[in-house]
Amino acid sequence: MQQLLEMVKAAHASGDYQPLVDLIPYARMLGVECACYGEEVIFKLPANPDTIGNPTIPAIHGGVIAAFMELTAQFQLTLQMPQPGLAKVIDFSLDYMRAGLHRDTFAICTISRQGRRIGNCSVLAWQERKSRPIAQARAHFLLDASPIQESAT
């Protein structure tokens, strides 16, 4: 737990959140990247032939887009917590707006409210222009502010 706390502090200080993203196996498998531009943290899902769901267009599988957006929200909320913990999904509502073509995809999370126990946020995903989103989501998370418990075995 102490090591995670130190990693979060170092990431906040340097603005490099990629080592934290790499701790999540699914994010690592998808190749999710994270970059900080001023106060905005923008996530990138690189184009990958393994994520294509419709080969005739070709387009990214909708489940991959949803997972990428959920990871974006969960990670953003976790970073805002006073002490590292886990943000657990309560509900996640996603609107697909256009096909996510086989290109790099970007996402940004805006936190609407973060209380002690619940966090509300919205996520926007786009490819070429932020003004032409491919999907948008609204999510509610349970914020577990207690430290991560290690099993005593």
C-alpha atoms as a PDB file:
ATOM      1  CA  MET A   1       0.000   0.000   0.000  1.00  0.00           C
ATOM      2  CA  GLN A   2       2.816   2.385   0.890  1.00  0.00           C
ATOM      3  CA  GLN A   3       4.460   1.691  -2.473  1.00  0.00           C
ATOM      4  CA  LEU A   4       1.222   2.570  -4.299  1.00  0.00           C
ATOM      5  CA  LEU A   5       0.882   5.793  -2.309  1.00  0.00           C
ATOM      6  CA  GLU A   6       4.453   6.738  -3.231  1.00  0.00           C
ATOM      7  CA  MET A   7       3.789   5.955  -6.916  1.00  0.00           C
ATOM      8  CA  VAL A   8       0.696   8.200  -6.901  1.00  0.00           C
ATOM      9  CA  LYS A   9       2.612  11.049  -5.237  1.00  0.00           C
ATOM     10  CA  ALA A  10       5.436  10.698  -7.761  1.00  0.00           C
ATOM     11  CA  ALA A  11       2.943  10.663 -10.653  1.00  0.00           C
ATOM     12  CA  HIS A  12       1.221  13.816  -9.372  1.00  0.00           C
ATOM     13  CA  ALA A  13       4.593  15.534  -8.992  1.00  0.00           C
ATOM     14  CA  SER A  14       5.926  14.555 -12.420  1.00  0.00           C
ATOM     15  CA  GLY A  15       2.662  14.535 -14.387  1.00  0.00           C
ATOM     16  CA  ASP A  16       3.573  11.066 -15.723  1.00  0.00           C
ATOM     17  CA  TYR A  17       0.679   8.720 -14.932  1.00  0.00           C
ATOM     18  CA  GLN A  18       1.677   5.940 -17.333  1.00  0.00           C
ATOM     19  CA  PRO A  19       3.341   3.759 -14.649  1.00  0.00           C
ATOM     20  CA  LEU A  20       0.044   3.751 -12.732  1.00  0.00           C
ATOM     21  CA  VAL A  21      -1.972   2.853 -15.841  1.00  0.00           C
ATOM     22  CA  ASP A  22       0.440  -0.008 -16.498  1.00  0.00           C
ATOM     23  CA  LEU A  23      -0.475  -1.522 -13.111  1.00  0.00           C
ATOM     24  CA  ILE A  24      -3.899  -2.448 -14.553  1.00  0.00           C
ATOM     25  CA  PRO A  25      -3.492  -5.680 -16.577  1.00  0.00           C
ATOM     26  CA  TYR A  26      -6.427  -5.031 -18.958  1.00  0.00           C
ATOM     27  CA  ALA A  27      -5.266  -1.473 -19.664  1.00  0.00           C
ATOM     28  CA  ARG A  28      -1.782  -2.829 -20.355  1.00  0.00           C
ATOM     29  CA  MET A  29      -3.200  -5.489 -22.699  1.00  0.00           C
ATOM     30  CA  LEU A  30      -5.177  -2.869 -24.656  1.00  0.00           C
ATOM     31  CA  GLY A  31      -2.105  -0.632 -24.780  1.00  0.00           C
ATOM     32  CA  VAL A  32      -3.836   2.292 -23.046  1.00  0.00           C
ATOM     33  CA  GLU A  33      -1.604   5.324 -22.809  1.00  0.00           C
ATOM     34  CA  CYS A  34      -1.971   8.350 -20.574  1.00  0.00           C
ATOM     35  CA  ALA A  35      -0.640  11.886 -21.023  1.00  0.00           C
ATOM     36  CA  CYS A  36      -1.057  15.032 -18.982  1.00  0.00           C
ATOM     37  CA  TYR A  37      -1.644  18.329 -20.817  1.00  0.00           C
ATOM     38  CA  GLY A  38      -1.778  21.080 -18.228  1.00  0.00           C
ATOM     39  CA  GLU A  39      -4.475  19.952 -15.809  1.00  0.00           C
ATOM     40  CA  GLU A  40      -6.147  17.622 -18.335  1.00  0.00           C
ATOM     41  CA  VAL A  41      -5.341  13.936 -18.304  1.00  0.00           C
ATOM     42  CA  ILE A  42      -6.036  12.441 -21.739  1.00  0.00           C
ATOM     43  CA  PHE A  43      -6.082   8.712 -22.384  1.00  0.00           C
ATOM     44  CA  LYS A  44      -5.233   7.082 -25.699  1.00  0.00           C
ATOM     45  CA  LEU A  45      -6.284   3.711 -27.073  1.00  0.00           C
ATOM     46  CA  PRO A  46      -3.847   3.034 -29.934  1.00  0.00           C
ATOM     47  CA  ALA A  47      -5.178   1.472 -33.119  1.00  0.00           C
ATOM     48  CA  ASN A  48      -4.777  -2.282 -32.823  1.00  0.00           C
ATOM     49  CA  PRO A  49      -6.049  -4.960 -35.237  1.00  0.00           C
ATOM     50  CA  ASP A  50      -6.924  -7.176 -32.246  1.00  0.00           C
ATOM     51  CA  THR A  51      -9.620  -4.706 -31.108  1.00  0.00           C
ATOM     52  CA  ILE A  52     -11.576  -4.696 -34.380  1.00  0.00           C
ATOM     53  CA  GLY A  53     -15.150  -5.867 -33.959  1.00  0.00           C
ATOM     54  CA  ASN A  54     -16.456  -5.178 -37.472  1.00  0.00           C
ATOM     55  CA  PRO A  55     -13.847  -6.081 -40.100  1.00  0.00           C
ATOM     56  CA  THR A  56     -15.915  -4.798 -43.045  1.00  0.00           C
ATOM     57  CA  ILE A  57     -15.685  -1.125 -41.959  1.00  0.00           C
ATOM     58  CA  PRO A  58     -13.178  -1.796 -40.034  1.00  0.00           C
ATOM     59  CA  ALA A  59     -14.369  -0.531 -36.646  1.00  0.00           C
ATOM     60  CA  ILE A  60     -13.306  -1.029 -33.036  1.00  0.00           C
ATOM     61  CA  HIS A  61     -15.472  -3.432 -31.035  1.00  0.00           C
ATOM     62  CA  GLY A  62     -18.026  -1.534 -28.951  1.00  0.00           C
ATOM     63  CA  GLY A  63     -17.041  -3.456 -25.839  1.00  0.00           C
ATOM     64  CA  VAL A  64     -13.447  -2.309 -26.196  1.00  0.00           C
ATOM     65  CA  ILE A  65     -14.594   1.317 -26.484  1.00  0.00           C
ATOM     66  CA  ALA A  66     -16.795   0.885 -23.398  1.00  0.00           C
ATOM     67  CA  ALA A  67     -13.990  -0.737 -21.398  1.00  0.00           C
ATOM     68  CA  PHE A  68     -11.552   1.993 -22.428  1.00  0.00           C
ATOM     69  CA  MET A  69     -13.997   4.682 -21.300  1.00  0.00           C
ATOM     70  CA  GLU A  70     -14.736   2.904 -18.025  1.00  0.00           C
ATOM     71  CA  LEU A  71     -11.003   2.583 -17.306  1.00  0.00           C
ATOM     72  CA  THR A  72     -10.606   6.297 -18.046  1.00  0.00           C
ATOM     73  CA  ALA A  73     -13.306   7.237 -15.531  1.00  0.00           C
ATOM     74  CA  GLN A  74     -12.127   4.795 -12.886  1.00  0.00           C
ATOM     75  CA  PHE A  75      -8.536   5.930 -13.174  1.00  0.00           C
ATOM     76  CA  GLN A  76      -9.438   9.645 -13.079  1.00  0.00           C
ATOM     77  CA  LEU A  77     -11.573   9.200  -9.959  1.00  0.00           C
ATOM     78  CA  THR A  78      -8.936   7.084  -8.243  1.00  0.00           C
ATOM     79  CA  LEU A  79      -6.323   9.801  -8.862  1.00  0.00           C
ATOM     80  CA  GLN A  80      -8.552  12.412  -7.224  1.00  0.00           C
ATOM     81  CA  MET A  81      -9.057  10.410  -4.032  1.00  0.00           C
ATOM     82  CA  PRO A  82      -7.145  11.717  -0.999  1.00  0.00           C
ATOM     83  CA  GLN A  83      -5.698   8.246  -0.415  1.00  0.00           C
ATOM     84  CA  PRO A  84      -5.290   5.582  -3.127  1.00  0.00           C
ATOM     85  CA  GLY A  85      -8.191   3.180  -3.120  1.00  0.00           C
ATOM     86  CA  LEU A  86     -10.468   1.614  -5.676  1.00  0.00           C
ATOM     87  CA  ALA A  87     -13.318   3.300  -7.503  1.00  0.00           C
ATOM     88  CA  LYS A  88     -15.908   0.567  -8.106  1.00  0.00           C
ATOM     89  CA  VAL A  89     -18.570   0.875 -10.809  1.00  0.00           C
ATOM     90  CA  ILE A  90     -22.156   1.344  -9.630  1.00  0.00           C
ATOM     91  CA  ASP A  91     -23.568   2.076 -13.071  1.00  0.00           C
ATOM     92  CA  PHE A  92     -22.200   3.016 -16.462  1.00  0.00           C
ATOM     93  CA  SER A  93     -24.370   4.409 -19.248  1.00  0.00           C
ATOM     94  CA  LEU A  94     -22.834   4.705 -22.707  1.00  0.00           C
ATOM     95  CA  ASP A  95     -24.104   6.382 -25.872  1.00  0.00           C
ATOM     96  CA  TYR A  96     -22.423   5.412 -29.133  1.00  0.00           C
ATOM     97  CA  MET A  97     -22.542   8.388 -31.502  1.00  0.00           C
ATOM     98  CA  ARG A  98     -20.650   7.146 -34.569  1.00  0.00           C
ATOM     99  CA  ALA A  99     -18.442   4.251 -35.588  1.00  0.00           C
ATOM    100  CA  GLY A 100     -15.083   4.040 -33.866  1.00  0.00           C
ATOM    101  CA  LEU A 101     -12.914   3.439 -36.904  1.00  0.00           C
ATOM    102  CA  HIS A 102      -9.593   1.611 -36.785  1.00  0.00           C
ATOM    103  CA  ARG A 103      -7.652   4.657 -35.566  1.00  0.00           C
ATOM    104  CA  ASP A 104      -6.198   5.965 -32.355  1.00  0.00           C
ATOM    105  CA  THR A 105      -8.996   6.813 -29.920  1.00  0.00           C
ATOM    106  CA  PHE A 106      -8.806   9.376 -27.135  1.00  0.00           C
ATOM    107  CA  ALA A 107     -10.861   9.886 -23.981  1.00  0.00           C
ATOM    108  CA  ILE A 108     -11.163  12.444 -21.239  1.00  0.00           C
ATOM    109  CA  CYS A 109     -13.089  12.254 -17.981  1.00  0.00           C
ATOM    110  CA  THR A 110     -14.843  15.157 -16.282  1.00  0.00           C
ATOM    111  CA  ILE A 111     -15.746  14.651 -12.656  1.00  0.00           C
ATOM    112  CA  SER A 112     -19.124  16.190 -11.867  1.00  0.00           C
ATOM    113  CA  ARG A 113     -19.095  15.417  -8.174  1.00  0.00           C
ATOM    114  CA  GLN A 114     -16.810  13.471  -5.919  1.00  0.00           C
ATOM    115  CA  GLY A 115     -18.046  12.964  -2.397  1.00  0.00           C
ATOM    116  CA  ARG A 116     -16.690  10.729   0.326  1.00  0.00           C
ATOM    117  CA  ARG A 117     -18.503   7.617  -0.914  1.00  0.00           C
ATOM    118  CA  ILE A 118     -19.859   8.292  -4.419  1.00  0.00           C
ATOM    119  CA  GLY A 119     -18.306   9.829  -7.527  1.00  0.00           C
ATOM    120  CA  ASN A 120     -20.206  11.006 -10.623  1.00  0.00           C
ATOM    121  CA  CYS A 121     -18.446  11.676 -13.897  1.00  0.00           C
ATOM    122  CA  SER A 122     -18.791  11.865 -17.649  1.00  0.00           C
ATOM    123  CA  VAL A 123     -16.400  10.554 -20.280  1.00  0.00           C
ATOM    124  CA  LEU A 124     -15.994  11.697 -23.870  1.00  0.00           C
ATOM    125  CA  ALA A 125     -14.228   9.570 -26.518  1.00  0.00           C
ATOM    126  CA  TRP A 126     -13.151  10.831 -29.934  1.00  0.00           C
ATOM    127  CA  GLN A 127     -10.768  10.001 -32.749  1.00  0.00           C
ATOM    128  CA  GLU A 128      -9.836  12.861 -35.055  1.00  0.00           C
ATOM    129  CA  ARG A 129     -11.547  15.818 -33.385  1.00  0.00           C
ATOM    130  CA  LYS A 130     -12.852  16.244 -29.875  1.00  0.00           C
ATOM    131  CA  SER A 131     -15.820  18.110 -31.358  1.00  0.00           C
ATOM    132  CA  ARG A 132     -16.876  14.873 -33.169  1.00  0.00           C
ATOM    133  CA  PRO A 133     -17.109  12.297 -30.367  1.00  0.00           C
ATOM    134  CA  ILE A 134     -17.599   8.619 -31.128  1.00  0.00           C
ATOM    135  CA  ALA A 135     -19.117   7.938 -27.691  1.00  0.00           C
ATOM    136  CA  GLN A 136     -20.034   9.588 -24.430  1.00  0.00           C
ATOM    137  CA  ALA A 137     -20.712   8.025 -21.058  1.00  0.00           C
ATOM    138  CA  ARG A 138     -22.069   8.858 -17.632  1.00  0.00           C
ATOM    139  CA  ALA A 139     -20.926   6.861 -14.647  1.00  0.00           C
ATOM    140  CA  HIS A 140     -21.377   6.529 -10.901  1.00  0.00           C
ATOM    141  CA  PHE A 141     -18.714   4.915  -8.754  1.00  0.00           C
ATOM    142  CA  LEU A 142     -18.466   3.777  -5.174  1.00  0.00           C
ATOM    143  CA  LEU A 143     -15.310   5.263  -3.734  1.00  0.00           C
ATOM    144  CA  ASP A 144     -13.558   2.961  -1.319  1.00  0.00           C
ATOM    145  CA  ALA A 145     -11.413   5.321   0.729  1.00  0.00           C
ATOM    146  CA  SER A 146     -10.150   2.555   2.988  1.00  0.00           C
ATOM    147  CA  PRO A 147      -6.674   1.270   2.212  1.00  0.00           C
ATOM    148  CA  ILE A 148      -6.362  -1.784   0.026  1.00  0.00           C
ATOM    149  CA  GLN A 149      -6.300  -4.815   2.310  1.00  0.00           C
ATOM    150  CA  GLU A 150      -3.616  -7.435   1.804  1.00  0.00           C
ATOM    151  CA  SER A 151      -4.552 -10.955   2.753  1.00  0.00           C
ATOM    152  CA  ALA A 152      -2.801 -12.386   5.783  1.00  0.00           C
ATOM    153  CA  THR A 153      -1.871 -15.837   4.534  1.00  0.00           C
END
